[in-house]
Amino acid sequence: MNWPKAITFDCYGTLIDWEGEIQLIFREILKKNGVEHFDVVALQRHWEDIQFDYIQNQYLPYKEVLKNTLPMAFNYFSYPFTDKDTEYFSASMGKWRPFSDTKSALLEIKKHTKIALLTNTDDHIIEETVKRLGIEFDEIVTAEQACAYKANHNGFHLLLKKLGLDKSEILHTGFGFKYDIVPASRLGITSCWINRYGETRPVDVKENYLVGDMKTFSILVKGMFVN
């Protein structure tokens, strides 16, 4: 079997511990500003909802998105913050750490097919992240290159063009159902949902494959290429 010819990945949340790293930063900011009682998970989830809606509008660099959306989330809960806190958050993304299974899974998958990234971030941020991962990707498309954020389809079209492949020849993989699985489904691209936290589907769309982590996904991929 020679399918898929490439596996395309979301990065933050799929390979990088998006939720955990944001919660760590928010917790640090809250404690620095003297807040003792808080629900950092609720804060992070509310921020993500704000962020998702925000990036569907006119394109801005993701560093600006981070800077502009932190105050919205903190103000909703009446949590204090400073301008330095927003700058700190906006400069942190390239330093966020990967999940423990990410690198070994990617190395295994690379034995069988091409790997590529389709990520809602800026070029300079993903460069820092890829260096941290220590993995060479065959192609990378950012929101900066596409001038749009997922769930917009621009990035998918650009990545297919850069790979020189038809949509039928790739498998798109991500944790963000609204960001990745929904647009892949609408484009007719086969998808795999990396559902690390056992979440329910937020909309009436279904992925083609479902796994709980990258290690399991690498086993699935290996099986696809067994003769």
C-alpha atoms as a PDB file:
ATOM      1  CA  MET A   1       0.000   0.000   0.000  1.00  0.00           C
ATOM      2  CA  ASN A   2       1.375   3.418  -0.938  1.00  0.00           C
ATOM      3  CA  TRP A   3      -1.295   5.579   0.708  1.00  0.00           C
ATOM      4  CA  PRO A   4      -1.056   8.122   2.165  1.00  0.00           C
ATOM      5  CA  LYS A   5       1.732   9.766   0.178  1.00  0.00           C
ATOM      6  CA  ALA A   6       1.932  12.394   2.916  1.00  0.00           C
ATOM      7  CA  ILE A   7       0.524  12.872   6.390  1.00  0.00           C
ATOM      8  CA  THR A   8      -0.210  16.471   7.261  1.00  0.00           C
ATOM      9  CA  PHE A   9      -0.296  17.526  10.884  1.00  0.00           C
ATOM     10  CA  ASP A  10      -1.692  20.290  12.975  1.00  0.00           C
ATOM     11  CA  CYS A  11       1.088  21.287  15.361  1.00  0.00           C
ATOM     12  CA  TYR A  12      -0.147  23.009  18.528  1.00  0.00           C
ATOM     13  CA  GLY A  13      -2.382  20.639  20.451  1.00  0.00           C
ATOM     14  CA  THR A  14      -1.436  17.655  18.301  1.00  0.00           C
ATOM     15  CA  LEU A  15       2.347  17.631  18.618  1.00  0.00           C
ATOM     16  CA  ILE A  16       2.844  20.446  21.137  1.00  0.00           C
ATOM     17  CA  ASP A  17       1.042  20.481  24.494  1.00  0.00           C
ATOM     18  CA  TRP A  18      -1.011  23.553  23.606  1.00  0.00           C
ATOM     19  CA  GLU A  19      -3.471  23.433  26.504  1.00  0.00           C
ATOM     20  CA  GLY A  20      -0.944  22.432  29.160  1.00  0.00           C
ATOM     21  CA  GLU A  21       1.617  25.064  28.200  1.00  0.00           C
ATOM     22  CA  ILE A  22      -0.960  27.868  28.037  1.00  0.00           C
ATOM     23  CA  GLN A  23      -2.300  26.858  31.439  1.00  0.00           C
ATOM     24  CA  LEU A  24       1.226  26.992  32.876  1.00  0.00           C
ATOM     25  CA  ILE A  25       1.731  30.514  31.563  1.00  0.00           C
ATOM     26  CA  PHE A  26      -1.679  31.716  32.763  1.00  0.00           C
ATOM     27  CA  ARG A  27      -1.035  30.215  36.198  1.00  0.00           C
ATOM     28  CA  GLU A  28       2.322  32.000  36.354  1.00  0.00           C
ATOM     29  CA  ILE A  29       0.746  35.344  35.404  1.00  0.00           C
ATOM     30  CA  LEU A  30      -2.087  34.971  37.918  1.00  0.00           C
ATOM     31  CA  LYS A  31       0.226  34.106  40.797  1.00  0.00           C
ATOM     32  CA  LYS A  32       2.577  36.952  39.895  1.00  0.00           C
ATOM     33  CA  ASN A  33      -0.352  39.336  40.141  1.00  0.00           C
ATOM     34  CA  GLY A  34      -1.440  38.026  43.537  1.00  0.00           C
ATOM     35  CA  VAL A  35      -4.386  35.869  42.502  1.00  0.00           C
ATOM     36  CA  GLU A  36      -4.673  32.880  44.841  1.00  0.00           C
ATOM     37  CA  HIS A  37      -7.962  31.279  43.845  1.00  0.00           C
ATOM     38  CA  PHE A  38      -8.587  30.611  40.172  1.00  0.00           C
ATOM     39  CA  ASP A  39      -9.675  27.966  37.671  1.00  0.00           C
ATOM     40  CA  VAL A  40      -6.877  27.935  35.119  1.00  0.00           C
ATOM     41  CA  VAL A  41      -8.569  25.283  32.974  1.00  0.00           C
ATOM     42  CA  ALA A  42     -11.730  27.385  32.659  1.00  0.00           C
ATOM     43  CA  LEU A  43      -9.579  30.416  31.852  1.00  0.00           C
ATOM     44  CA  GLN A  44      -7.638  28.581  29.156  1.00  0.00           C
ATOM     45  CA  ARG A  45     -10.786  27.109  27.610  1.00  0.00           C
ATOM     46  CA  HIS A  46     -12.473  30.524  27.563  1.00  0.00           C
ATOM     47  CA  TRP A  47      -9.371  32.074  26.015  1.00  0.00           C
ATOM     48  CA  GLU A  48      -9.350  29.420  23.315  1.00  0.00           C
ATOM     49  CA  ASP A  49     -12.983  30.108  22.424  1.00  0.00           C
ATOM     50  CA  ILE A  50     -12.183  33.822  22.143  1.00  0.00           C
ATOM     51  CA  GLN A  51      -9.067  33.094  20.119  1.00  0.00           C
ATOM     52  CA  PHE A  52     -10.894  30.806  17.678  1.00  0.00           C
ATOM     53  CA  ASP A  53     -13.519  33.457  16.923  1.00  0.00           C
ATOM     54  CA  TYR A  54     -10.863  36.176  16.720  1.00  0.00           C
ATOM     55  CA  ILE A  55      -8.755  34.436  14.084  1.00  0.00           C
ATOM     56  CA  GLN A  56     -11.728  33.862  11.787  1.00  0.00           C
ATOM     57  CA  ASN A  57     -11.774  37.591  11.097  1.00  0.00           C
ATOM     58  CA  GLN A  58      -9.173  39.706   9.304  1.00  0.00           C
ATOM     59  CA  TYR A  59      -5.696  38.134   9.306  1.00  0.00           C
ATOM     60  CA  LEU A  60      -3.195  39.364  11.898  1.00  0.00           C
ATOM     61  CA  PRO A  61       0.150  37.774  12.831  1.00  0.00           C
ATOM     62  CA  TYR A  62      -0.361  35.177  15.537  1.00  0.00           C
ATOM     63  CA  LYS A  63       1.941  36.986  17.906  1.00  0.00           C
ATOM     64  CA  GLU A  64      -0.554  39.858  17.768  1.00  0.00           C
ATOM     65  CA  VAL A  65      -3.444  37.434  18.240  1.00  0.00           C
ATOM     66  CA  LEU A  66      -1.886  36.149  21.459  1.00  0.00           C
ATOM     67  CA  LYS A  67      -1.227  39.681  22.670  1.00  0.00           C
ATOM     68  CA  ASN A  68      -4.739  40.911  21.895  1.00  0.00           C
ATOM     69  CA  THR A  69      -6.754  37.960  23.208  1.00  0.00           C
ATOM     70  CA  LEU A  70      -5.185  37.498  26.650  1.00  0.00           C
ATOM     71  CA  PRO A  71      -6.826  40.715  27.977  1.00  0.00           C
ATOM     72  CA  MET A  72     -10.226  39.580  26.683  1.00  0.00           C
ATOM     73  CA  ALA A  73     -10.057  36.307  28.599  1.00  0.00           C
ATOM     74  CA  PHE A  74      -8.576  37.766  31.782  1.00  0.00           C
ATOM     75  CA  ASN A  75     -11.078  40.636  31.851  1.00  0.00           C
ATOM     76  CA  TYR A  76     -13.972  38.186  31.578  1.00  0.00           C
ATOM     77  CA  PHE A  77     -12.911  36.650  34.920  1.00  0.00           C
ATOM     78  CA  SER A  78     -11.772  40.025  36.368  1.00  0.00           C
ATOM     79  CA  TYR A  79      -8.210  38.720  36.680  1.00  0.00           C
ATOM     80  CA  PRO A  80      -5.418  41.309  36.830  1.00  0.00           C
ATOM     81  CA  PHE A  81      -2.611  41.432  34.257  1.00  0.00           C
ATOM     82  CA  THR A  82      -0.040  43.893  32.950  1.00  0.00           C
ATOM     83  CA  ASP A  83       1.196  44.917  29.517  1.00  0.00           C
ATOM     84  CA  LYS A  84       4.350  42.950  30.272  1.00  0.00           C
ATOM     85  CA  ASP A  85       2.187  39.865  30.806  1.00  0.00           C
ATOM     86  CA  THR A  86       0.623  40.184  27.362  1.00  0.00           C
ATOM     87  CA  GLU A  87       4.066  40.632  25.817  1.00  0.00           C
ATOM     88  CA  TYR A  88       5.361  37.610  27.719  1.00  0.00           C
ATOM     89  CA  PHE A  89       2.480  35.452  26.502  1.00  0.00           C
ATOM     90  CA  SER A  90       2.817  36.613  22.899  1.00  0.00           C
ATOM     91  CA  ALA A  91       6.542  35.758  22.880  1.00  0.00           C
ATOM     92  CA  SER A  92       6.173  32.323  24.488  1.00  0.00           C
ATOM     93  CA  MET A  93       4.707  30.078  21.793  1.00  0.00           C
ATOM     94  CA  GLY A  94       7.932  28.895  20.196  1.00  0.00           C
ATOM     95  CA  LYS A  95       9.068  27.615  23.600  1.00  0.00           C
ATOM     96  CA  TRP A  96       5.995  25.485  24.313  1.00  0.00           C
ATOM     97  CA  ARG A  97       6.952  21.866  24.900  1.00  0.00           C
ATOM     98  CA  PRO A  98       5.868  18.809  22.895  1.00  0.00           C
ATOM     99  CA  PHE A  99       3.947  15.840  24.211  1.00  0.00           C
ATOM    100  CA  SER A 100       6.209  13.018  25.336  1.00  0.00           C
ATOM    101  CA  ASP A 101       5.132  10.742  22.455  1.00  0.00           C
ATOM    102  CA  THR A 102       5.552  13.291  19.655  1.00  0.00           C
ATOM    103  CA  LYS A 103       9.143  12.863  18.503  1.00  0.00           C
ATOM    104  CA  SER A 104       9.271   9.066  18.554  1.00  0.00           C
ATOM    105  CA  ALA A 105       5.925   8.860  16.729  1.00  0.00           C
ATOM    106  CA  LEU A 106       7.039  11.275  14.004  1.00  0.00           C
ATOM    107  CA  LEU A 107      10.306   9.418  13.515  1.00  0.00           C
ATOM    108  CA  GLU A 108       8.387   6.173  13.038  1.00  0.00           C
ATOM    109  CA  ILE A 109       5.920   7.760  10.605  1.00  0.00           C
ATOM    110  CA  LYS A 110       8.785   9.279   8.566  1.00  0.00           C
ATOM    111  CA  LYS A 111       9.971   5.751   7.790  1.00  0.00           C
ATOM    112  CA  HIS A 112       6.824   5.204   5.733  1.00  0.00           C
ATOM    113  CA  THR A 113       5.687   8.503   4.190  1.00  0.00           C
ATOM    114  CA  LYS A 114       6.232  12.246   3.969  1.00  0.00           C
ATOM    115  CA  ILE A 115       5.216  14.456   6.885  1.00  0.00           C
ATOM    116  CA  ALA A 116       4.109  18.070   6.721  1.00  0.00           C
ATOM    117  CA  LEU A 117       2.758  20.770   9.014  1.00  0.00           C
ATOM    118  CA  LEU A 118      -0.299  22.979   8.575  1.00  0.00           C
ATOM    119  CA  THR A 119      -0.223  25.333  11.507  1.00  0.00           C
ATOM    120  CA  ASN A 120      -2.053  28.397  12.798  1.00  0.00           C
ATOM    121  CA  THR A 121       1.023  30.438  13.601  1.00  0.00           C
ATOM    122  CA  ASP A 122       3.787  32.684  12.236  1.00  0.00           C
ATOM    123  CA  ASP A 123       6.860  31.561  10.317  1.00  0.00           C
ATOM    124  CA  HIS A 124       9.342  32.597  12.997  1.00  0.00           C
ATOM    125  CA  ILE A 125       7.341  30.809  15.719  1.00  0.00           C
ATOM    126  CA  ILE A 126       7.145  27.491  13.879  1.00  0.00           C
ATOM    127  CA  GLU A 127      10.862  27.704  13.087  1.00  0.00           C
ATOM    128  CA  GLU A 128      11.566  27.837  16.815  1.00  0.00           C
ATOM    129  CA  THR A 129       9.147  24.978  17.480  1.00  0.00           C
ATOM    130  CA  VAL A 130      10.596  22.731  14.770  1.00  0.00           C
ATOM    131  CA  LYS A 131      14.090  23.340  16.091  1.00  0.00           C
ATOM    132  CA  ARG A 132      12.860  22.308  19.537  1.00  0.00           C
ATOM    133  CA  LEU A 133      11.261  19.156  18.114  1.00  0.00           C
ATOM    134  CA  GLY A 134      14.405  18.160  16.216  1.00  0.00           C
ATOM    135  CA  ILE A 135      12.349  16.772  13.320  1.00  0.00           C
ATOM    136  CA  GLU A 136      12.678  17.618   9.626  1.00  0.00           C
ATOM    137  CA  PHE A 137       9.337  18.089   7.875  1.00  0.00           C
ATOM    138  CA  ASP A 138       8.919  17.748   4.126  1.00  0.00           C
ATOM    139  CA  GLU A 139       6.736  20.866   3.943  1.00  0.00           C
ATOM    140  CA  ILE A 140       5.420  23.488   6.353  1.00  0.00           C
ATOM    141  CA  VAL A 141       2.542  25.882   5.738  1.00  0.00           C
ATOM    142  CA  THR A 142       1.716  28.566   8.293  1.00  0.00           C
ATOM    143  CA  ALA A 143      -1.191  30.947   8.643  1.00  0.00           C
ATOM    144  CA  GLU A 144       1.281  33.680   7.741  1.00  0.00           C
ATOM    145  CA  GLN A 145       1.927  32.039   4.363  1.00  0.00           C
ATOM    146  CA  ALA A 146      -1.775  31.355   3.733  1.00  0.00           C
ATOM    147  CA  CYS A 147      -2.853  34.793   5.059  1.00  0.00           C
ATOM    148  CA  ALA A 148      -5.618  32.962   6.902  1.00  0.00           C
ATOM    149  CA  TYR A 149      -6.125  30.675   9.881  1.00  0.00           C
ATOM    150  CA  LYS A 150      -7.766  27.291   9.969  1.00  0.00           C
ATOM    151  CA  ALA A 151     -10.648  26.515   9.730  1.00  0.00           C
ATOM    152  CA  ASN A 152     -10.226  28.590   6.541  1.00  0.00           C
ATOM    153  CA  HIS A 153      -9.342  26.352   3.585  1.00  0.00           C
ATOM    154  CA  ASN A 154      -6.496  28.493   2.192  1.00  0.00           C
ATOM    155  CA  GLY A 155      -3.786  26.678   4.113  1.00  0.00           C
ATOM    156  CA  PHE A 156      -4.996  23.259   2.959  1.00  0.00           C
ATOM    157  CA  HIS A 157      -4.924  24.327  -0.687  1.00  0.00           C
ATOM    158  CA  LEU A 158      -1.466  25.853  -0.301  1.00  0.00           C
ATOM    159  CA  LEU A 159      -0.067  22.767   1.398  1.00  0.00           C
ATOM    160  CA  LEU A 160      -1.413  20.465  -1.328  1.00  0.00           C
ATOM    161  CA  LYS A 161       0.202  22.726  -3.917  1.00  0.00           C
ATOM    162  CA  LYS A 162       3.566  22.687  -2.119  1.00  0.00           C
ATOM    163  CA  LEU A 163       3.440  18.901  -1.733  1.00  0.00           C
ATOM    164  CA  GLY A 164       2.391  18.429  -5.358  1.00  0.00           C
ATOM    165  CA  LEU A 165      -0.338  16.035  -4.272  1.00  0.00           C
ATOM    166  CA  ASP A 166      -4.066  15.596  -4.753  1.00  0.00           C
ATOM    167  CA  LYS A 167      -6.340  15.743  -1.724  1.00  0.00           C
ATOM    168  CA  SER A 168      -6.992  12.017  -2.133  1.00  0.00           C
ATOM    169  CA  GLU A 169      -3.312  11.294  -1.501  1.00  0.00           C
ATOM    170  CA  ILE A 170      -2.979  12.786   1.997  1.00  0.00           C
ATOM    171  CA  LEU A 171      -4.163  12.052   5.511  1.00  0.00           C
ATOM    172  CA  HIS A 172      -4.705  15.128   7.675  1.00  0.00           C
ATOM    173  CA  THR A 173      -4.250  14.733  11.408  1.00  0.00           C
ATOM    174  CA  GLY A 174      -5.123  17.072  14.250  1.00  0.00           C
ATOM    175  CA  PHE A 175      -6.507  17.506  17.742  1.00  0.00           C
ATOM    176  CA  GLY A 176      -8.628  20.577  16.996  1.00  0.00           C
ATOM    177  CA  PHE A 177     -11.949  19.346  15.676  1.00  0.00           C
ATOM    178  CA  LYS A 178     -13.144  22.769  14.499  1.00  0.00           C
ATOM    179  CA  TYR A 179      -9.701  23.783  13.249  1.00  0.00           C
ATOM    180  CA  ASP A 180      -8.778  20.613  11.351  1.00  0.00           C
ATOM    181  CA  ILE A 181     -11.335  17.823  11.149  1.00  0.00           C
ATOM    182  CA  VAL A 182     -14.250  19.970   9.992  1.00  0.00           C
ATOM    183  CA  PRO A 183     -12.415  21.733   7.128  1.00  0.00           C
ATOM    184  CA  ALA A 184     -10.701  18.488   6.055  1.00  0.00           C
ATOM    185  CA  SER A 185     -14.098  16.798   5.895  1.00  0.00           C
ATOM    186  CA  ARG A 186     -15.602  19.626   3.875  1.00  0.00           C
ATOM    187  CA  LEU A 187     -12.684  19.468   1.439  1.00  0.00           C
ATOM    188  CA  GLY A 188     -12.977  15.697   1.048  1.00  0.00           C
ATOM    189  CA  ILE A 189      -9.627  15.039   2.759  1.00  0.00           C
ATOM    190  CA  THR A 190      -9.261  11.883   4.844  1.00  0.00           C
ATOM    191  CA  SER A 191      -8.713  12.830   8.486  1.00  0.00           C
ATOM    192  CA  CYS A 192      -7.606  11.425  11.818  1.00  0.00           C
ATOM    193  CA  TRP A 193      -8.684  13.024  15.076  1.00  0.00           C
ATOM    194  CA  ILE A 194      -6.054  12.868  17.833  1.00  0.00           C
ATOM    195  CA  ASN A 195      -8.496  13.023  20.741  1.00  0.00           C
ATOM    196  CA  ARG A 196      -6.137  13.037  23.725  1.00  0.00           C
ATOM    197  CA  TYR A 197      -8.763  14.081  26.274  1.00  0.00           C
ATOM    198  CA  GLY A 198     -11.768  12.004  25.241  1.00  0.00           C
ATOM    199  CA  GLU A 199     -13.800  15.001  24.123  1.00  0.00           C
ATOM    200  CA  THR A 200     -17.131  14.769  22.329  1.00  0.00           C
ATOM    201  CA  ARG A 201     -17.519  15.990  18.759  1.00  0.00           C
ATOM    202  CA  PRO A 202     -18.679  19.628  18.878  1.00  0.00           C
ATOM    203  CA  VAL A 203     -20.468  19.449  15.516  1.00  0.00           C
ATOM    204  CA  ASP A 204     -22.130  16.808  13.352  1.00  0.00           C
ATOM    205  CA  VAL A 205     -19.000  15.883  11.390  1.00  0.00           C
ATOM    206  CA  LYS A 206     -17.082  12.628  11.713  1.00  0.00           C
ATOM    207  CA  GLU A 207     -13.406  11.896  11.220  1.00  0.00           C
ATOM    208  CA  ASN A 208     -12.204   8.839   9.267  1.00  0.00           C
ATOM    209  CA  TYR A 209      -9.842   7.635  12.009  1.00  0.00           C
ATOM    210  CA  LEU A 210      -9.826   8.246  15.756  1.00  0.00           C
ATOM    211  CA  VAL A 211      -6.932   7.678  18.165  1.00  0.00           C
ATOM    212  CA  GLY A 212      -6.041   8.940  21.612  1.00  0.00           C
ATOM    213  CA  ASP A 213      -2.387   9.892  21.125  1.00  0.00           C
ATOM    214  CA  MET A 214       0.483  10.090  18.680  1.00  0.00           C
ATOM    215  CA  LYS A 215       1.992   6.777  19.721  1.00  0.00           C
ATOM    216  CA  THR A 216      -1.198   4.960  18.746  1.00  0.00           C
ATOM    217  CA  PHE A 217      -1.376   6.958  15.530  1.00  0.00           C
ATOM    218  CA  SER A 218       2.155   5.883  14.558  1.00  0.00           C
ATOM    219  CA  ILE A 219       1.106   2.235  15.016  1.00  0.00           C
ATOM    220  CA  LEU A 220      -1.943   2.865  12.823  1.00  0.00           C
ATOM    221  CA  VAL A 221       0.258   4.379  10.107  1.00  0.00           C
ATOM    222  CA  LYS A 222       2.723   1.527  10.297  1.00  0.00           C
ATOM    223  CA  GLY A 223      -0.145  -0.881   9.751  1.00  0.00           C
ATOM    224  CA  MET A 224      -1.237   0.993   6.638  1.00  0.00           C
ATOM    225  CA  PHE A 225       2.092   0.217   4.987  1.00  0.00           C
ATOM    226  CA  VAL A 226       2.316  -3.476   5.884  1.00  0.00           C
ATOM    227  CA  ASN A 227       2.113  -5.531   2.705  1.00  0.00           C
END
